[in-house]
N, C-alpha and C. Protein backbone atom coordinates (compact mmCIF):
# COMPACT_ATOMS: atom_id res chain seq x y z
N MET A 1 70.79 -198.55 -23.28
CA MET A 1 71.50 -199.45 -24.63
C MET A 1 71.32 -200.50 -24.84
N LYS A 2 71.14 -201.08 -25.87
CA LYS A 2 70.72 -202.42 -26.18
C LYS A 2 71.39 -202.72 -27.53
N MET A 3 71.55 -203.76 -27.35
CA MET A 3 72.38 -204.64 -28.65
C MET A 3 71.52 -205.21 -29.87
N PHE A 4 71.95 -205.12 -30.99
CA PHE A 4 70.76 -205.84 -32.40
C PHE A 4 71.82 -206.47 -33.06
N LEU A 5 71.03 -207.62 -33.60
CA LEU A 5 71.86 -208.29 -34.45
C LEU A 5 71.59 -208.05 -36.04
N ILE A 6 72.59 -208.01 -36.87
CA ILE A 6 72.16 -207.45 -38.14
C ILE A 6 72.81 -208.71 -39.02
N PHE A 7 72.14 -208.77 -39.86
CA PHE A 7 72.75 -210.42 -40.56
C PHE A 7 72.68 -210.05 -42.24
N TRP A 8 73.35 -210.89 -43.13
CA TRP A 8 73.33 -211.05 -44.49
C TRP A 8 73.45 -212.30 -44.66
N LEU A 9 72.49 -212.70 -45.53
CA LEU A 9 72.33 -213.70 -45.91
C LEU A 9 72.46 -214.22 -47.71
N CYS A 10 73.73 -215.02 -48.13
CA CYS A 10 73.56 -214.95 -49.26
C CYS A 10 73.54 -216.62 -49.74
N VAL A 11 72.95 -216.64 -51.05
CA VAL A 11 72.85 -217.72 -51.46
C VAL A 11 73.57 -217.66 -53.07
N GLN A 12 74.49 -219.04 -52.98
CA GLN A 12 75.51 -219.52 -54.05
C GLN A 12 74.29 -220.25 -54.82
N ASN A 13 73.91 -219.53 -56.39
CA ASN A 13 73.25 -220.29 -57.05
C ASN A 13 73.48 -219.33 -58.57
N PRO A 14 73.60 -219.93 -59.47
CA PRO A 14 73.99 -219.27 -60.96
C PRO A 14 72.73 -218.86 -61.37
N ILE A 15 71.56 -219.70 -61.20
CA ILE A 15 70.43 -219.35 -61.99
C ILE A 15 69.63 -218.02 -61.21
N THR A 16 69.80 -218.05 -59.89
CA THR A 16 69.16 -216.68 -59.11
C THR A 16 69.83 -215.27 -59.77
N SER A 17 69.01 -214.50 -59.81
CA SER A 17 69.15 -213.31 -59.68
C SER A 17 70.20 -212.47 -58.68
N LEU A 18 71.03 -211.64 -59.59
CA LEU A 18 71.67 -210.99 -58.51
C LEU A 18 71.26 -210.20 -57.57
N GLU A 19 69.83 -209.38 -57.61
CA GLU A 19 69.28 -208.88 -56.97
C GLU A 19 68.57 -209.70 -55.83
N GLN A 20 68.48 -211.21 -56.40
CA GLN A 20 67.70 -211.67 -54.99
C GLN A 20 68.71 -212.96 -54.54
N THR A 21 69.81 -212.73 -54.84
CA THR A 21 70.72 -213.45 -54.13
C THR A 21 71.48 -213.31 -52.44
N CYS A 22 71.52 -212.21 -52.46
CA CYS A 22 71.79 -211.63 -50.94
C CYS A 22 70.52 -210.69 -50.46
N VAL A 23 70.07 -211.35 -48.85
CA VAL A 23 68.99 -210.63 -48.43
C VAL A 23 70.08 -210.02 -46.88
N GLN A 24 69.81 -208.81 -46.83
CA GLN A 24 69.75 -207.97 -45.49
C GLN A 24 68.93 -208.01 -44.39
N ASN A 25 69.04 -207.92 -43.20
CA ASN A 25 67.73 -208.34 -42.00
C ASN A 25 68.20 -207.73 -41.27
N ILE A 26 67.74 -206.84 -40.32
CA ILE A 26 68.22 -206.49 -39.33
C ILE A 26 66.87 -206.73 -38.13
N ILE A 27 67.22 -207.36 -37.56
CA ILE A 27 66.22 -208.23 -36.59
C ILE A 27 65.83 -206.62 -34.83
N TYR A 28 64.81 -206.02 -35.12
CA TYR A 28 64.33 -205.00 -34.16
C TYR A 28 63.81 -205.52 -33.16
N ASP A 29 62.90 -206.83 -33.39
CA ASP A 29 62.21 -207.44 -32.19
C ASP A 29 62.70 -208.29 -31.11
N VAL A 30 64.21 -208.74 -31.17
CA VAL A 30 64.89 -208.93 -30.46
C VAL A 30 66.34 -208.03 -29.97
N SER A 31 66.33 -207.91 -28.52
CA SER A 31 67.77 -207.54 -28.34
C SER A 31 68.05 -208.02 -27.24
N TYR A 32 69.37 -207.90 -27.18
CA TYR A 32 70.24 -207.76 -26.27
C TYR A 32 70.84 -207.53 -25.19
N ASN A 33 71.36 -207.59 -23.93
CA ASN A 33 71.74 -206.44 -22.86
C ASN A 33 73.27 -206.19 -22.96
N THR A 34 73.85 -207.52 -23.44
CA THR A 34 75.01 -207.15 -23.56
C THR A 34 75.98 -207.92 -25.27
N LYS A 35 76.76 -207.66 -25.47
CA LYS A 35 77.91 -208.12 -26.53
C LYS A 35 77.76 -209.87 -26.39
N GLU A 36 77.92 -210.27 -25.37
CA GLU A 36 77.91 -211.67 -25.42
C GLU A 36 76.57 -212.40 -25.50
N GLU A 37 75.63 -211.88 -25.28
CA GLU A 37 74.36 -212.30 -25.61
C GLU A 37 73.97 -212.14 -27.11
N CYS A 38 74.49 -211.21 -27.52
CA CYS A 38 74.36 -211.04 -29.05
C CYS A 38 75.30 -211.73 -29.65
N ARG A 39 76.29 -212.20 -29.36
CA ARG A 39 77.50 -213.01 -29.93
C ARG A 39 76.92 -214.15 -30.05
N GLU A 40 76.65 -214.46 -28.94
CA GLU A 40 76.11 -215.76 -28.86
C GLU A 40 74.98 -216.19 -30.11
N ALA A 41 73.85 -215.19 -29.56
CA ALA A 41 72.54 -215.41 -30.76
C ALA A 41 72.98 -215.39 -32.30
N SER A 42 74.42 -214.71 -32.76
CA SER A 42 75.02 -214.78 -33.60
C SER A 42 75.32 -215.93 -34.71
N ILE A 43 76.23 -216.49 -33.64
CA ILE A 43 76.78 -217.82 -33.77
C ILE A 43 75.61 -218.87 -34.09
N LYS A 44 74.41 -218.99 -33.17
CA LYS A 44 73.57 -219.59 -33.22
C LYS A 44 73.11 -219.49 -34.73
N LEU A 45 72.82 -218.47 -35.18
CA LEU A 45 71.66 -217.95 -36.06
C LEU A 45 72.60 -218.64 -37.57
N ALA A 46 73.99 -218.17 -37.16
CA ALA A 46 74.89 -218.67 -38.42
C ALA A 46 74.82 -220.23 -38.36
N LYS A 47 74.75 -221.10 -37.31
CA LYS A 47 74.84 -222.55 -37.30
C LYS A 47 73.71 -222.86 -37.98
N GLU A 48 72.63 -222.43 -37.33
CA GLU A 48 71.44 -222.58 -38.15
C GLU A 48 70.95 -222.80 -39.86
N LEU A 49 71.75 -221.19 -40.54
CA LEU A 49 71.68 -221.00 -41.69
C LEU A 49 72.32 -221.59 -42.60
N THR A 50 73.79 -222.04 -41.92
CA THR A 50 74.41 -222.23 -42.77
C THR A 50 74.53 -224.02 -43.13
N GLN A 51 73.32 -224.34 -42.68
CA GLN A 51 72.79 -226.11 -42.69
C GLN A 51 72.55 -226.25 -44.09
N ILE A 52 71.70 -224.93 -44.64
CA ILE A 52 71.34 -224.96 -45.84
C ILE A 52 72.10 -225.05 -46.89
N PRO A 53 72.48 -226.14 -48.04
CA PRO A 53 73.56 -225.78 -48.97
C PRO A 53 73.66 -224.69 -50.06
N ASP A 54 74.75 -224.42 -50.28
CA ASP A 54 75.23 -223.03 -50.98
C ASP A 54 74.71 -221.76 -50.20
N THR A 55 74.47 -221.91 -48.61
CA THR A 55 74.17 -220.43 -48.09
C THR A 55 75.43 -219.74 -47.42
N TYR A 56 75.15 -218.66 -47.18
CA TYR A 56 76.39 -217.94 -46.58
C TYR A 56 75.91 -216.79 -45.60
N VAL A 57 76.68 -217.11 -44.73
CA VAL A 57 75.64 -215.63 -43.68
C VAL A 57 76.76 -214.53 -42.91
N THR A 58 76.98 -213.69 -42.95
CA THR A 58 77.70 -212.42 -42.21
C THR A 58 76.77 -211.75 -40.93
N THR A 59 77.12 -212.14 -39.89
CA THR A 59 76.21 -211.13 -38.53
C THR A 59 77.50 -210.90 -37.87
N PHE A 60 76.68 -209.38 -37.70
CA PHE A 60 77.41 -208.37 -36.54
C PHE A 60 76.65 -208.20 -35.64
N CYS A 61 76.90 -207.61 -34.34
CA CYS A 61 75.85 -206.91 -33.33
C CYS A 61 76.37 -205.38 -33.29
N THR A 62 75.39 -204.54 -32.87
CA THR A 62 75.66 -203.24 -33.03
C THR A 62 74.81 -202.59 -31.76
N THR A 63 75.15 -201.36 -31.09
CA THR A 63 74.52 -200.76 -30.09
C THR A 63 73.72 -199.78 -30.69
N LYS A 64 72.58 -199.41 -29.96
CA LYS A 64 71.55 -198.16 -30.08
C LYS A 64 71.17 -197.76 -29.28
N ILE A 65 70.75 -196.52 -28.99
CA ILE A 65 69.90 -196.16 -27.86
C ILE A 65 68.51 -195.93 -28.41
N ILE A 66 67.77 -196.66 -27.63
CA ILE A 66 66.40 -196.40 -27.64
C ILE A 66 65.94 -195.63 -26.69
N LYS A 67 64.69 -194.78 -27.70
CA LYS A 67 64.28 -194.06 -27.09
C LYS A 67 62.69 -193.77 -27.23
N ASN A 68 62.15 -193.96 -25.82
CA ASN A 68 60.94 -194.41 -25.85
C ASN A 68 60.06 -193.15 -25.94
N THR A 69 59.30 -192.84 -27.01
CA THR A 69 58.39 -191.81 -27.35
C THR A 69 57.01 -192.03 -27.44
């Protein structure tokens, strides 16, 4: 079982349309072996993205069973 990082990025800007205000991204090309690895990656990602003015990030980690087909 692997851990994956999911995040939402929202930009607070009154002239940006609501449909383009928030973006969800599920990172499938990177996986983690433990909750701690994923948690550390989510903290690093949030710190990097929140340096952008009026940008808000929510992250969480989830586990999925990967079947090799």
